[in-house]
Amino acid sequence: MAFFVLPLVLLLSMASPATSCNKQEKSSLLQFLAELSHEDGVTVPWRDSMDCCEWEGVTCNASGAVIEVSLTSRSLEGTISPSLGKLTGLLRLNLSYNSLSGDLPSELMSSGTITVLDVSFNRLSGVLQEPLPSIPERPLQALNISSNLFTGEFPSTIWENTRNLGVINASNNSFEGWIPSSFCISSSSFAVLDLSYNQFSGSIPPCIGNCSALRVLKAGQNNLSGPLPDELFNATSLQYLSFPDNSLHGLLDGAHLMKLKNLVNLDLGGNTLNGKIPNSIGQLKRLEELHLDNNNMTGELPSALSNCTYIITIDLKNNNFSGELQKVNFFNLPNLKALDLLYKNFTGTIPESIYSCSNLVALRLSGNNLHGQLSPKISNLKSLIFLSICDNKFTNITNMLQILKNCKSLTTLFIGANFKGEAMPEDEMIDGFQNLRALSISERSLSGKIPLWLSKLKTLEMLFLQRNQLSGPIPAWMKNLTSLFHLDLSYNNLAGEIPIALMEMPMLTTDLTANHSVFELPVYLGHSFQYRIISTFPKMLDLSHNNLTGATPQEIGQLKLLAKLNFSFNSLSGEIPK
């Protein structure tokens, strides 16, 4: 074995000579540095060493040529110098997550050497220039210019001479005009195109269907219109097809859809699609995410949806679907984590098969015509965190709460606008809900008093009891709900004085650290506000439209963090406290 050691050492020393960048390369890098107004200490190592191959963020090859400059998240400010285009061996340039401004030098977009260019998450602006004609072929493989301030039309001719182009991410800018159709004219390996969050208009270019290697196509949050072109479904390698929040219309054609057998994520929410979900959806065996929310789709849910056994998320809210949910066999969907069927016309009862989805985290069936009582089998959903079944025709609130207290993971529970004519349960045996943060039992004329069992919900942050027929006083123990910051008791028959104890609510008097926990599904207030983070709800005390009497407590000034206060439509007297 020793016989091979010396030759191997000699071979390695010959293959890795000491490198040193040439004067031109060093000058180009120093020119880049000179045009920065802030560089978070990059200057120090760059000026201490004569050899730029030893500088932080700079990589050279064995010949001493700079092949990579990577300075991510370094608080760089200023402009990007065109001098970087003079680095004749530069393969990779990554300046992402800084605060660079100005335009993107055309020398970089037209480079004859750069394969990876990433300037995402900066403040770059202006129009992207078409390439210089002096470079007949560009080696660019990946371009990431996302999350900047670019405007104007997106370049179209540059992609015609990039034979190895694989990835373009231009999302979160202000590009306008039509989407180019030339991305894969020269490159057979083009795989990822993300143009979401821009201002593109017009229709989806049919030529994109010729991109045989395309796996990811995202152009949501634009102004696109027209139908999904038939040719698009020829891109059979697609795994992610995402066009949410545009103005697309027409039908989701079943014969075309079944061609996309590799599809993992289909997101066409927020458009004006109509018609039914085709039965061929069941042939998308790899589908994990289905978003068809906020369209004009109709009909029953196809039983073939049960064949999508890998599905994790089904979001069909705000459509005109109807019929019973029993047609879908949820026993076949063991991976389902989120089911959102908000605001539809579903009838019947909750199918028992839903309770077999042991991984279910979020379930929303609100705004339908479902009826009956809740099954005790819902306690099988050990991972259930978010449950919203309000605005239906469910009955027996006492039974429902006795069942739901066994769902130990629940943090959000909305069951209001059910139980018409019933009484608020006062049973102190309702002693679960240890992790509940948001509770709504509103808008269904429940009678009785504010129940004592609510005092045990020590993690409760938001409580909605509005629009019932609750009577009696506001209990002083509410100040003991130390996490409560949003309280709505409006439109009831509550009487007596405003308790001084309410003026001691910790989350309204003391600037405590806010909990930034996230709702598993977006929560809506009316049609204007959408919330994903609990702490973004306003700190609120709404006691309006009751029968409260007496004076407003002088101690109200202690609620220094209060954002919204409503005591209107009561019988309060005396002076308004200063």
Protein backbone atom coordinates (compact mmCIF):
# COMPACT_ATOMS: atom_id res chain seq x y z
CA MET A 1 0.00 0.00 0.00
CA ALA A 2 2.90 2.41 0.83
CA PHE A 3 4.04 2.10 -2.80
CA PHE A 4 1.04 4.20 -3.93
CA VAL A 5 1.25 6.95 -1.30
CA LEU A 6 4.09 9.08 -2.71
CA PRO A 7 2.88 9.13 -6.35
CA LEU A 8 -0.64 10.06 -5.14
CA VAL A 9 0.68 12.99 -3.07
CA LEU A 10 2.75 14.17 -6.02
CA LEU A 11 -0.29 13.88 -8.31
CA LEU A 12 -2.47 15.98 -5.99
CA SER A 13 0.18 18.67 -5.60
CA MET A 14 0.54 18.89 -9.37
CA ALA A 15 -3.26 19.14 -9.88
CA SER A 16 -3.79 21.93 -7.32
CA PRO A 17 -1.17 24.62 -7.78
CA ALA A 18 -1.37 27.81 -5.76
CA THR A 19 -3.80 30.09 -7.56
CA SER A 20 -3.73 33.83 -7.87
CA CYS A 21 -6.21 35.99 -9.78
CA ASN A 22 -4.90 38.28 -12.50
CA LYS A 23 -4.87 42.06 -12.37
CA GLN A 24 -7.91 42.46 -14.65
CA GLU A 25 -10.09 40.16 -12.53
CA LYS A 26 -9.07 41.95 -9.35
CA SER A 27 -9.79 45.33 -10.91
CA SER A 28 -13.29 44.22 -11.96
CA LEU A 29 -14.11 43.02 -8.44
CA LEU A 30 -12.80 46.19 -6.84
CA GLN A 31 -14.88 48.25 -9.28
CA PHE A 32 -17.96 46.26 -8.17
CA LEU A 33 -17.02 47.00 -4.55
CA ALA A 34 -16.56 50.70 -5.27
CA GLU A 35 -20.15 51.05 -6.49
CA LEU A 36 -21.59 49.66 -3.26
CA SER A 37 -22.69 52.19 -0.67
CA HIS A 38 -22.84 49.57 2.09
CA GLU A 39 -21.25 46.14 2.15
CA ASP A 40 -21.43 44.72 5.68
CA GLY A 41 -17.70 44.23 6.16
CA VAL A 42 -16.91 42.65 2.79
CA THR A 43 -14.29 45.35 2.27
CA VAL A 44 -12.01 44.18 5.07
CA PRO A 45 -10.97 40.75 3.74
CA TRP A 46 -11.06 42.05 0.15
CA ARG A 47 -8.58 44.83 0.92
CA ASP A 48 -6.35 42.85 3.29
CA SER A 49 -5.36 40.22 0.74
CA MET A 50 -3.66 40.87 -2.56
CA ASP A 51 -5.02 37.63 -4.03
CA CYS A 52 -8.72 37.99 -4.90
CA CYS A 53 -9.06 34.19 -4.99
CA GLU A 54 -8.83 34.32 -1.19
CA TRP A 55 -11.55 36.91 -0.81
CA GLU A 56 -14.77 36.02 0.94
CA GLY A 57 -17.46 34.96 -1.51
CA VAL A 58 -15.01 34.55 -4.41
CA THR A 59 -14.12 31.16 -5.90
CA CYS A 60 -11.43 30.59 -8.52
CA ASN A 61 -10.52 27.60 -10.65
CA ALA A 62 -7.10 25.98 -10.85
CA SER A 63 -5.95 28.60 -13.36
CA GLY A 64 -6.81 31.51 -11.07
CA ALA A 65 -9.89 32.61 -13.01
CA VAL A 66 -12.87 33.79 -10.92
CA ILE A 67 -15.67 31.30 -11.54
CA GLU A 68 -18.09 32.23 -8.75
CA VAL A 69 -19.11 35.30 -6.75
CA SER A 70 -21.57 34.52 -3.95
CA LEU A 71 -22.49 37.31 -1.51
CA THR A 72 -25.97 36.47 -0.26
CA SER A 73 -27.60 38.16 2.75
CA ARG A 74 -24.74 40.62 3.28
CA SER A 75 -26.80 43.84 3.49
CA LEU A 76 -25.26 45.05 0.25
CA GLU A 77 -26.52 48.44 -0.91
CA GLY A 78 -25.76 50.39 -4.07
CA THR A 79 -25.74 49.30 -7.70
CA ILE A 80 -24.42 46.23 -9.50
CA SER A 81 -21.38 47.22 -11.51
CA PRO A 82 -21.21 46.14 -15.17
CA SER A 83 -17.58 45.32 -14.39
CA LEU A 84 -18.69 41.88 -13.19
CA GLY A 85 -19.39 41.12 -16.84
CA LYS A 86 -15.62 41.40 -17.49
CA LEU A 87 -14.92 38.32 -15.37
CA THR A 88 -14.37 36.14 -18.41
CA GLY A 89 -14.54 32.83 -16.50
CA LEU A 90 -17.51 33.67 -14.26
CA LEU A 91 -19.96 30.76 -14.11
CA ARG A 92 -22.14 31.60 -11.09
CA LEU A 93 -23.18 34.96 -9.64
CA ASN A 94 -25.37 35.05 -6.53
CA LEU A 95 -26.21 38.43 -4.97
CA SER A 96 -29.60 37.45 -3.54
CA TYR A 97 -31.18 38.76 -0.33
CA ASN A 98 -29.53 42.16 -0.27
CA SER A 99 -30.72 45.74 -0.86
CA LEU A 100 -29.15 46.39 -4.25
CA SER A 101 -30.88 48.95 -6.47
CA GLY A 102 -30.65 50.30 -10.01
CA ASP A 103 -30.87 48.14 -13.09
CA LEU A 104 -29.45 44.72 -13.92
CA PRO A 105 -26.48 45.30 -16.25
CA SER A 106 -27.08 43.88 -19.71
CA GLU A 107 -23.53 42.53 -19.60
CA LEU A 108 -24.71 39.93 -17.08
CA MET A 109 -27.86 38.92 -18.95
CA SER A 110 -25.82 38.62 -22.16
CA SER A 111 -22.82 36.92 -20.62
CA GLY A 112 -21.10 34.24 -22.63
CA THR A 113 -20.03 32.35 -19.50
CA ILE A 114 -22.59 32.75 -16.69
CA THR A 115 -24.68 29.63 -16.14
CA VAL A 116 -26.41 30.64 -12.88
CA LEU A 117 -27.51 34.22 -12.18
CA ASP A 118 -29.39 34.93 -8.92
CA VAL A 119 -30.20 38.50 -7.90
CA SER A 120 -33.50 37.71 -6.16
CA PHE A 121 -34.81 39.64 -3.15
CA ASN A 122 -33.24 43.00 -3.89
CA ARG A 123 -34.57 46.39 -5.04
CA LEU A 124 -33.48 46.23 -8.64
CA SER A 125 -35.68 48.12 -11.07
CA GLY A 126 -36.06 49.24 -14.65
CA VAL A 127 -36.56 47.24 -17.80
CA LEU A 128 -34.67 44.05 -18.60
CA GLN A 129 -32.72 44.63 -21.79
CA GLU A 130 -32.77 42.27 -24.74
CA PRO A 131 -29.35 40.60 -25.27
CA LEU A 132 -26.39 42.11 -27.01
CA PRO A 133 -26.12 40.67 -30.54
CA SER A 134 -22.39 39.98 -30.11
CA ILE A 135 -23.01 36.76 -28.12
CA PRO A 136 -24.41 34.13 -30.52
CA GLU A 137 -25.11 31.52 -27.84
CA ARG A 138 -25.54 31.89 -24.08
CA PRO A 139 -24.80 29.16 -21.55
CA LEU A 140 -27.38 30.44 -19.03
CA GLN A 141 -29.06 27.56 -17.18
CA ALA A 142 -30.82 29.26 -14.27
CA LEU A 143 -32.04 32.84 -13.84
CA ASN A 144 -33.61 34.08 -10.60
CA ILE A 145 -34.66 37.74 -10.58
CA SER A 146 -37.66 37.27 -8.30
CA SER A 147 -38.77 39.76 -5.65
CA ASN A 148 -37.44 42.93 -7.23
CA LEU A 149 -39.01 46.01 -8.82
CA PHE A 150 -38.55 45.25 -12.51
CA THR A 151 -41.08 46.73 -14.92
CA GLY A 152 -41.89 46.73 -18.64
CA GLU A 153 -42.28 43.76 -20.92
CA PHE A 154 -40.41 40.55 -20.27
CA PRO A 155 -37.59 39.85 -22.79
CA SER A 156 -38.48 37.38 -25.50
CA THR A 157 -35.54 37.00 -27.89
CA ILE A 158 -32.88 36.20 -25.29
CA TRP A 159 -34.27 32.69 -24.76
CA GLU A 160 -33.87 31.75 -28.41
CA ASN A 161 -30.09 31.25 -28.02
CA THR A 162 -29.92 29.58 -24.61
CA ARG A 163 -29.65 25.89 -25.38
CA ASN A 164 -29.19 24.79 -21.76
CA LEU A 165 -31.84 26.99 -20.16
CA GLY A 166 -33.58 25.12 -17.34
CA VAL A 167 -35.02 27.56 -14.79
CA ILE A 168 -36.51 31.07 -14.83
CA ASN A 169 -37.97 32.68 -11.72
CA ALA A 170 -39.19 36.22 -12.37
CA SER A 171 -41.97 36.20 -9.77
CA ASN A 172 -42.93 39.14 -7.58
CA ASN A 173 -42.05 42.01 -9.91
CA SER A 174 -44.14 44.34 -12.08
CA PHE A 175 -43.62 42.88 -15.54
CA GLU A 176 -46.45 43.53 -17.95
CA GLY A 177 -47.56 42.64 -21.45
CA TRP A 178 -47.91 39.14 -22.84
CA ILE A 179 -45.99 36.11 -21.63
CA PRO A 180 -43.32 35.23 -24.24
CA SER A 181 -43.65 31.91 -26.03
CA SER A 182 -39.96 31.36 -26.81
CA PHE A 183 -38.67 29.75 -23.60
CA CYS A 184 -38.02 26.28 -24.96
CA ILE A 185 -37.41 27.06 -28.64
CA SER A 186 -33.72 26.21 -28.26
CA SER A 187 -33.64 24.37 -24.93
CA SER A 188 -35.11 20.90 -24.61
CA SER A 189 -34.27 20.90 -20.89
CA PHE A 190 -36.41 23.90 -19.87
CA ALA A 191 -38.10 22.74 -16.64
CA VAL A 192 -39.19 25.62 -14.37
CA LEU A 193 -41.01 28.87 -15.17
CA ASP A 194 -42.35 31.07 -12.37
CA LEU A 195 -43.94 34.37 -13.43
CA SER A 196 -46.39 34.72 -10.53
CA TYR A 197 -47.15 38.04 -8.84
CA ASN A 198 -46.67 40.31 -11.85
CA GLN A 199 -48.96 42.22 -14.20
CA PHE A 200 -48.89 39.99 -17.26
CA SER A 201 -52.01 40.15 -19.41
CA GLY A 202 -53.42 38.42 -22.46
CA SER A 203 -53.82 34.69 -22.81
CA ILE A 204 -51.57 31.77 -21.89
CA PRO A 205 -49.28 31.15 -24.91
CA PRO A 206 -50.14 27.75 -26.43
CA CYS A 207 -46.48 27.19 -27.38
CA ILE A 208 -45.65 26.49 -23.75
CA GLY A 209 -47.21 23.08 -24.40
CA ASN A 210 -44.18 22.30 -26.58
CA CYS A 211 -41.89 22.41 -23.55
CA SER A 212 -41.59 18.66 -23.14
CA ALA A 213 -39.40 18.85 -20.02
CA LEU A 214 -41.45 21.53 -18.24
CA ARG A 215 -42.20 20.43 -14.66
CA VAL A 216 -43.19 23.69 -12.95
CA LEU A 217 -45.40 26.38 -14.53
CA LYS A 218 -46.54 29.18 -12.24
CA ALA A 219 -48.17 32.43 -13.34
CA GLY A 220 -50.64 33.18 -10.57
CA GLN A 221 -51.62 36.66 -9.40
CA ASN A 222 -51.51 38.29 -12.85
CA ASN A 223 -54.13 39.61 -15.28
CA LEU A 224 -54.28 36.63 -17.62
CA SER A 225 -57.54 35.89 -19.40
CA GLY A 226 -59.06 33.37 -21.78
CA PRO A 227 -59.30 29.59 -21.42
CA LEU A 228 -56.56 27.11 -20.67
CA PRO A 229 -55.23 26.38 -24.20
CA ASP A 230 -55.59 22.80 -25.37
CA GLU A 231 -51.91 22.72 -26.35
CA LEU A 232 -50.88 23.38 -22.74
CA PHE A 233 -51.85 19.81 -21.83
CA ASN A 234 -49.21 18.46 -24.21
CA ALA A 235 -46.61 19.38 -21.58
CA THR A 236 -47.05 15.97 -20.00
CA SER A 237 -44.06 16.31 -17.65
CA LEU A 238 -45.86 19.01 -15.66
CA GLN A 239 -45.89 18.44 -11.92
CA TYR A 240 -46.97 21.94 -10.81
CA LEU A 241 -49.60 23.85 -12.81
CA SER A 242 -50.46 27.06 -11.02
CA PHE A 243 -52.53 29.97 -12.38
CA PRO A 244 -54.46 31.27 -9.33
CA ASP A 245 -56.01 34.74 -9.13
CA ASN A 246 -56.29 35.60 -12.80
CA SER A 247 -59.33 35.95 -15.07
CA LEU A 248 -59.22 32.57 -16.78
CA HIS A 249 -62.56 31.15 -17.87
CA GLY A 250 -64.05 28.10 -19.51
CA LEU A 251 -64.26 24.45 -18.55
CA LEU A 252 -61.68 22.14 -17.04
CA ASP A 253 -61.63 19.62 -19.88
CA GLY A 254 -61.43 16.03 -18.61
CA ALA A 255 -59.88 14.55 -21.76
CA HIS A 256 -57.06 17.07 -21.63
CA LEU A 257 -56.57 16.93 -17.87
CA MET A 258 -55.93 13.19 -17.86
CA LYS A 259 -52.81 13.74 -19.98
CA LEU A 260 -51.06 15.34 -17.00
CA LYS A 261 -50.49 12.10 -15.13
CA ASN A 262 -47.40 13.49 -13.37
CA LEU A 263 -49.31 16.38 -11.81
CA VAL A 264 -48.64 16.88 -8.10
CA ASN A 265 -50.11 20.37 -7.62
CA LEU A 266 -53.04 21.87 -9.56
CA ASP A 267 -53.93 25.44 -8.55
CA LEU A 268 -56.53 27.27 -10.63
CA GLY A 269 -58.24 29.08 -7.76
CA GLY A 270 -59.46 32.64 -8.02
CA ASN A 271 -60.57 32.57 -11.67
CA THR A 272 -63.99 32.30 -13.36
CA LEU A 273 -63.89 28.65 -14.41
CA ASN A 274 -67.26 26.95 -14.70
CA GLY A 275 -68.60 23.45 -15.22
CA LYS A 276 -67.91 20.35 -13.16
CA ILE A 277 -64.78 18.73 -11.83
CA PRO A 278 -64.20 16.03 -14.46
CA ASN A 279 -64.14 12.38 -13.47
CA SER A 280 -60.70 12.10 -15.03
CA ILE A 281 -59.34 13.89 -11.94
CA GLY A 282 -59.14 10.37 -10.49
CA GLN A 283 -56.47 9.44 -13.00
CA LEU A 284 -54.04 11.96 -11.52
CA LYS A 285 -52.62 9.34 -9.19
CA ARG A 286 -49.75 11.55 -7.95
CA LEU A 287 -51.92 14.58 -7.11
CA GLU A 288 -51.23 16.05 -3.67
CA GLU A 289 -52.72 19.56 -3.89
CA LEU A 290 -56.01 20.54 -5.57
CA HIS A 291 -57.02 24.21 -5.49
CA LEU A 292 -60.13 25.15 -7.46
CA ASP A 293 -61.44 27.67 -4.95
CA ASN A 294 -63.18 30.94 -5.83
CA ASN A 295 -64.51 29.96 -9.24
CA ASN A 296 -67.99 29.40 -10.67
CA MET A 297 -67.82 25.62 -10.78
CA THR A 298 -70.96 23.53 -10.27
CA GLY A 299 -72.22 19.99 -9.84
CA GLU A 300 -71.42 17.27 -7.34
CA LEU A 301 -67.97 16.23 -6.27
CA PRO A 302 -66.94 13.29 -8.46
CA SER A 303 -66.56 9.95 -6.73
CA ALA A 304 -63.34 9.56 -8.75
CA LEU A 305 -61.73 12.06 -6.37
CA SER A 306 -61.41 9.06 -4.04
CA ASN A 307 -58.78 7.65 -6.42
CA CYS A 308 -56.34 10.48 -5.65
CA THR A 309 -54.94 8.52 -2.74
CA TYR A 310 -51.89 10.76 -2.24
CA ILE A 311 -53.90 13.96 -1.92
CA ILE A 312 -53.00 16.21 1.00
CA THR A 313 -55.01 19.39 0.35
CA ILE A 314 -58.46 19.84 -1.23
CA ASP A 315 -59.51 23.50 -1.48
CA LEU A 316 -62.84 23.97 -3.28
CA LYS A 317 -64.30 26.88 -1.30
CA ASN A 318 -66.50 29.59 -2.83
CA ASN A 319 -68.02 27.76 -5.79
CA ASN A 320 -71.50 26.52 -6.61
CA PHE A 321 -71.00 22.84 -5.91
CA SER A 322 -74.00 20.93 -4.57
CA GLY A 323 -75.19 17.46 -3.61
CA GLU A 324 -74.03 15.22 -0.81
CA LEU A 325 -70.47 14.60 0.30
CA GLN A 326 -71.14 10.89 0.67
CA LYS A 327 -70.13 10.29 -2.96
CA VAL A 328 -66.47 10.79 -2.06
CA ASN A 329 -65.00 7.83 -0.21
CA PHE A 330 -62.64 9.50 2.24
CA PHE A 331 -61.50 6.08 3.46
CA ASN A 332 -59.22 6.09 0.38
CA LEU A 333 -57.59 9.42 1.31
CA PRO A 334 -55.35 8.59 4.29
CA ASN A 335 -52.93 11.46 3.56
CA LEU A 336 -55.55 14.22 3.57
CA LYS A 337 -54.54 17.09 5.87
CA ALA A 338 -56.74 20.00 4.77
CA LEU A 339 -60.30 19.94 3.39
CA ASP A 340 -61.89 23.34 2.69
CA LEU A 341 -65.48 23.33 1.41
CA LEU A 342 -66.50 26.80 2.62
CA TYR A 343 -69.58 28.49 1.08
CA LYS A 344 -71.17 25.89 -1.15
CA ASN A 345 -74.53 24.15 -1.36
CA PHE A 346 -73.69 20.75 0.02
CA THR A 347 -76.53 18.94 1.77
CA GLY A 348 -76.96 15.88 3.94
CA THR A 349 -74.73 14.89 6.83
CA ILE A 350 -70.98 14.80 7.33
CA PRO A 351 -69.82 11.48 5.83
CA GLU A 352 -68.52 9.04 8.40
CA SER A 353 -65.59 8.25 6.12
CA ILE A 354 -64.08 11.69 6.84
CA TYR A 355 -63.32 10.50 10.37
CA SER A 356 -60.96 7.89 8.94
CA CYS A 357 -58.57 10.64 7.71
CA SER A 358 -56.29 10.35 10.70
CA ASN A 359 -53.86 12.98 9.38
CA LEU A 360 -56.54 15.65 8.97
CA VAL A 361 -55.36 18.95 10.46
CA ALA A 362 -57.91 21.44 9.09
CA LEU A 363 -61.57 20.82 8.21
CA ARG A 364 -63.92 23.57 7.06
CA LEU A 365 -67.51 22.80 6.05
CA SER A 366 -69.00 26.20 6.88
CA GLY A 367 -71.68 27.91 4.83
CA ASN A 368 -73.49 24.81 3.57
CA ASN A 369 -76.80 23.08 4.29
CA LEU A 370 -75.46 20.19 6.32
CA HIS A 371 -77.59 18.94 9.19
CA GLY A 372 -77.75 16.41 11.99
CA GLN A 373 -75.55 15.88 15.01
CA LEU A 374 -71.81 15.51 15.16
CA SER A 375 -70.52 11.95 15.35
CA PRO A 376 -68.34 10.92 18.32
CA LYS A 377 -65.98 9.44 15.71
CA ILE A 378 -64.57 12.91 15.11
CA SER A 379 -62.41 12.30 18.18
CA ASN A 380 -60.46 9.84 15.98
CA LEU A 381 -58.93 12.89 14.31
CA LYS A 382 -56.07 13.23 16.77
CA SER A 383 -54.26 15.80 14.58
CA LEU A 384 -57.27 18.09 14.06
CA ILE A 385 -56.26 21.67 14.88
CA PHE A 386 -58.75 23.76 12.88
CA LEU A 387 -62.49 22.99 12.71
CA SER A 388 -65.06 25.33 11.19
CA ILE A 389 -68.61 24.03 10.68
CA CYS A 390 -70.56 27.23 11.32
CA ASP A 391 -73.53 28.42 9.26
CA ASN A 392 -75.16 25.04 8.71
CA LYS A 393 -78.15 23.34 10.36
CA PHE A 394 -76.46 21.25 13.01
CA THR A 395 -78.32 20.57 16.26
CA ASN A 396 -77.57 19.74 19.91
CA ILE A 397 -74.79 22.11 20.88
CA THR A 398 -74.31 20.43 24.26
CA ASN A 399 -73.63 17.08 22.64
CA MET A 400 -71.30 18.67 20.11
CA LEU A 401 -69.17 20.34 22.78
CA GLN A 402 -69.06 17.16 24.87
CA ILE A 403 -67.71 15.36 21.81
CA LEU A 404 -65.30 18.04 20.63
CA LYS A 405 -63.67 18.41 24.04
CA ASN A 406 -61.99 15.07 23.23
CA CYS A 407 -60.23 16.62 20.21
CA LYS A 408 -57.21 17.56 22.30
CA SER A 409 -55.29 19.30 19.52
CA LEU A 410 -57.96 21.86 18.59
CA THR A 411 -56.79 25.48 18.61
CA THR A 412 -59.50 26.98 16.36
CA LEU A 413 -63.20 26.08 16.71
CA PHE A 414 -65.96 27.89 14.81
CA ILE A 415 -69.41 26.36 15.35
CA GLY A 416 -71.64 29.46 15.29
CA ALA A 417 -74.77 29.99 13.19
CA ASN A 418 -76.13 26.54 14.08
CA PHE A 419 -78.38 25.26 16.90
CA LYS A 420 -81.26 27.65 16.23
CA GLY A 421 -83.44 28.14 19.30
CA GLU A 422 -81.17 26.13 21.64
CA ALA A 423 -79.62 27.23 24.93
CA MET A 424 -75.96 27.86 25.65
CA PRO A 425 -74.78 24.85 27.69
CA GLU A 426 -73.79 25.74 31.24
CA ASP A 427 -72.56 22.25 32.07
CA GLU A 428 -69.29 22.62 33.99
CA MET A 429 -68.33 19.14 32.84
CA ILE A 430 -67.26 20.70 29.55
CA ASP A 431 -63.67 20.73 30.67
CA GLY A 432 -61.54 20.05 27.60
CA PHE A 433 -60.23 22.48 24.98
CA GLN A 434 -56.91 22.98 26.76
CA ASN A 435 -55.26 24.34 23.60
CA LEU A 436 -58.12 26.42 22.19
CA ARG A 437 -57.11 29.89 20.99
CA ALA A 438 -60.08 30.99 18.89
CA LEU A 439 -63.73 30.11 19.64
CA SER A 440 -66.84 31.27 17.80
CA ILE A 441 -70.34 30.35 19.00
CA SER A 442 -72.12 33.28 17.39
CA GLU A 443 -75.12 34.26 15.30
CA ARG A 444 -77.79 31.72 16.16
CA SER A 445 -80.01 33.11 18.92
CA LEU A 446 -78.64 30.93 21.70
CA SER A 447 -80.26 31.75 25.02
CA GLY A 448 -78.85 31.52 28.53
CA LYS A 449 -75.87 33.13 30.20
CA ILE A 450 -72.19 33.39 29.38
CA PRO A 451 -71.19 29.93 30.70
CA LEU A 452 -68.69 29.36 33.47
CA TRP A 453 -66.85 26.61 31.57
CA LEU A 454 -65.36 29.29 29.31
CA SER A 455 -63.32 30.48 32.32
CA LYS A 456 -61.22 27.31 32.04
CA LEU A 457 -59.94 28.12 28.54
CA LYS A 458 -56.64 29.61 29.68
CA THR A 459 -55.12 29.75 26.20
CA LEU A 460 -58.11 31.50 24.60
CA GLU A 461 -57.14 34.58 22.58
CA MET A 462 -60.34 35.33 20.66
CA LEU A 463 -63.96 34.80 21.73
CA PHE A 464 -66.95 35.46 19.47
CA LEU A 465 -70.39 35.25 21.15
CA GLN A 466 -72.13 38.00 19.18
CA ARG A 467 -75.67 37.91 17.77
CA ASN A 468 -77.23 35.53 20.29
CA GLN A 469 -79.82 36.10 23.01
CA LEU A 470 -77.48 35.75 25.96
CA SER A 471 -78.67 37.50 29.11
CA GLY A 472 -77.39 38.24 32.58
CA PRO A 473 -74.22 40.14 33.50
CA ILE A 474 -70.80 40.09 31.90
CA PRO A 475 -68.82 37.88 34.31
CA ALA A 476 -65.84 39.39 36.12
CA TRP A 477 -63.84 36.17 35.65
CA MET A 478 -63.16 37.17 32.02
CA LYS A 479 -60.11 39.10 33.24
CA ASN A 480 -58.63 35.72 34.20
CA LEU A 481 -58.45 34.69 30.54
CA THR A 482 -54.93 36.06 30.43
CA SER A 483 -54.42 35.52 26.69
CA LEU A 484 -57.73 37.04 25.55
CA PHE A 485 -57.37 40.14 23.36
CA HIS A 486 -60.38 40.01 20.99
CA LEU A 487 -63.81 39.84 22.65
CA ASP A 488 -67.12 40.29 20.81
CA LEU A 489 -70.29 40.14 22.93
CA SER A 490 -72.36 42.45 20.71
CA TYR A 491 -76.04 41.99 19.79
CA ASN A 492 -77.15 40.10 22.90
CA ASN A 493 -79.35 40.89 25.90
CA LEU A 494 -76.57 41.30 28.45
CA ALA A 495 -77.50 43.53 31.38
CA GLY A 496 -75.93 45.19 34.40
CA GLU A 497 -72.87 47.41 34.52
CA ILE A 498 -69.64 47.03 32.63
CA PRO A 499 -67.49 45.20 35.18
CA ILE A 500 -64.38 47.04 36.30
CA ALA A 501 -62.61 43.67 36.07
CA LEU A 502 -62.71 43.96 32.26
CA MET A 503 -60.44 46.98 32.58
CA GLU A 504 -57.73 44.62 33.88
CA MET A 505 -57.53 42.27 30.88
CA PRO A 506 -53.78 41.54 30.65
CA MET A 507 -53.52 41.49 26.84
CA LEU A 508 -55.20 44.91 26.64
CA THR A 509 -53.28 46.58 29.48
CA THR A 510 -49.77 45.20 29.19
CA ASP A 511 -47.57 45.05 26.12
CA LEU A 512 -47.03 41.31 26.25
CA THR A 513 -45.26 39.38 23.52
CA ALA A 514 -47.74 38.55 20.78
CA ASN A 515 -48.24 34.96 19.75
CA HIS A 516 -47.69 34.70 16.01
CA SER A 517 -49.35 31.32 15.55
CA VAL A 518 -50.85 30.74 12.11
CA PHE A 519 -54.36 29.60 11.23
CA GLU A 520 -54.25 26.36 9.27
CA LEU A 521 -56.79 27.87 6.85
CA PRO A 522 -57.37 31.59 6.19
CA VAL A 523 -60.08 33.12 8.38
CA TYR A 524 -62.47 35.65 6.86
CA LEU A 525 -64.36 38.52 8.46
CA GLY A 526 -67.03 39.53 5.98
CA HIS A 527 -65.78 39.77 2.40
CA SER A 528 -63.01 42.29 3.03
CA PHE A 529 -60.56 40.85 5.51
CA GLN A 530 -58.54 37.66 5.43
CA TYR A 531 -56.33 36.61 8.33
CA ARG A 532 -53.66 33.94 8.56
CA ILE A 533 -51.95 35.02 11.81
CA ILE A 534 -54.01 35.22 15.01
CA SER A 535 -52.18 38.24 16.43
CA THR A 536 -53.07 40.37 13.40
CA PHE A 537 -56.68 40.54 14.57
CA PRO A 538 -57.23 43.91 16.30
CA LYS A 539 -57.23 44.09 20.07
CA MET A 540 -60.96 44.60 20.50
CA LEU A 541 -63.70 44.96 23.08
CA ASP A 542 -67.19 45.05 21.54
CA LEU A 543 -70.12 45.21 23.98
CA SER A 544 -72.49 47.06 21.65
CA HIS A 545 -76.23 46.39 21.17
CA ASN A 546 -76.93 45.07 24.67
CA ASN A 547 -78.82 46.37 27.74
CA LEU A 548 -75.83 47.54 29.76
CA THR A 549 -76.43 50.34 32.26
CA GLY A 550 -74.44 52.59 34.56
CA ALA A 551 -71.31 54.57 33.86
CA THR A 552 -68.35 53.67 31.74
CA PRO A 553 -65.57 52.75 34.22
CA GLN A 554 -62.94 55.46 34.66
CA GLU A 555 -60.35 52.65 34.60
CA ILE A 556 -60.92 52.21 30.88
CA GLY A 557 -57.76 54.27 30.35
CA GLN A 558 -55.80 51.23 31.50
CA LEU A 559 -56.64 49.48 28.22
CA LYS A 560 -53.83 51.31 26.48
CA LEU A 561 -53.36 48.63 23.80
CA LEU A 562 -57.01 48.61 22.74
CA ALA A 563 -57.43 49.19 18.99
CA LYS A 564 -61.22 48.92 18.70
CA LEU A 565 -63.83 49.81 21.33
CA ASN A 566 -67.59 49.67 20.84
CA PHE A 567 -70.06 50.39 23.66
CA SER A 568 -72.78 51.79 21.38
CA PHE A 569 -76.51 50.99 21.61
CA ASN A 570 -76.71 50.37 25.34
CA SER A 571 -78.21 52.43 28.19
CA LEU A 572 -75.00 53.80 29.64
CA SER A 573 -75.14 57.05 31.56
CA GLY A 574 -72.80 59.59 33.08
CA GLU A 575 -69.75 61.22 31.57
CA ILE A 576 -67.47 59.75 28.96
CA PRO A 577 -64.14 59.16 30.78
CA LYS A 578 -61.27 61.33 29.60
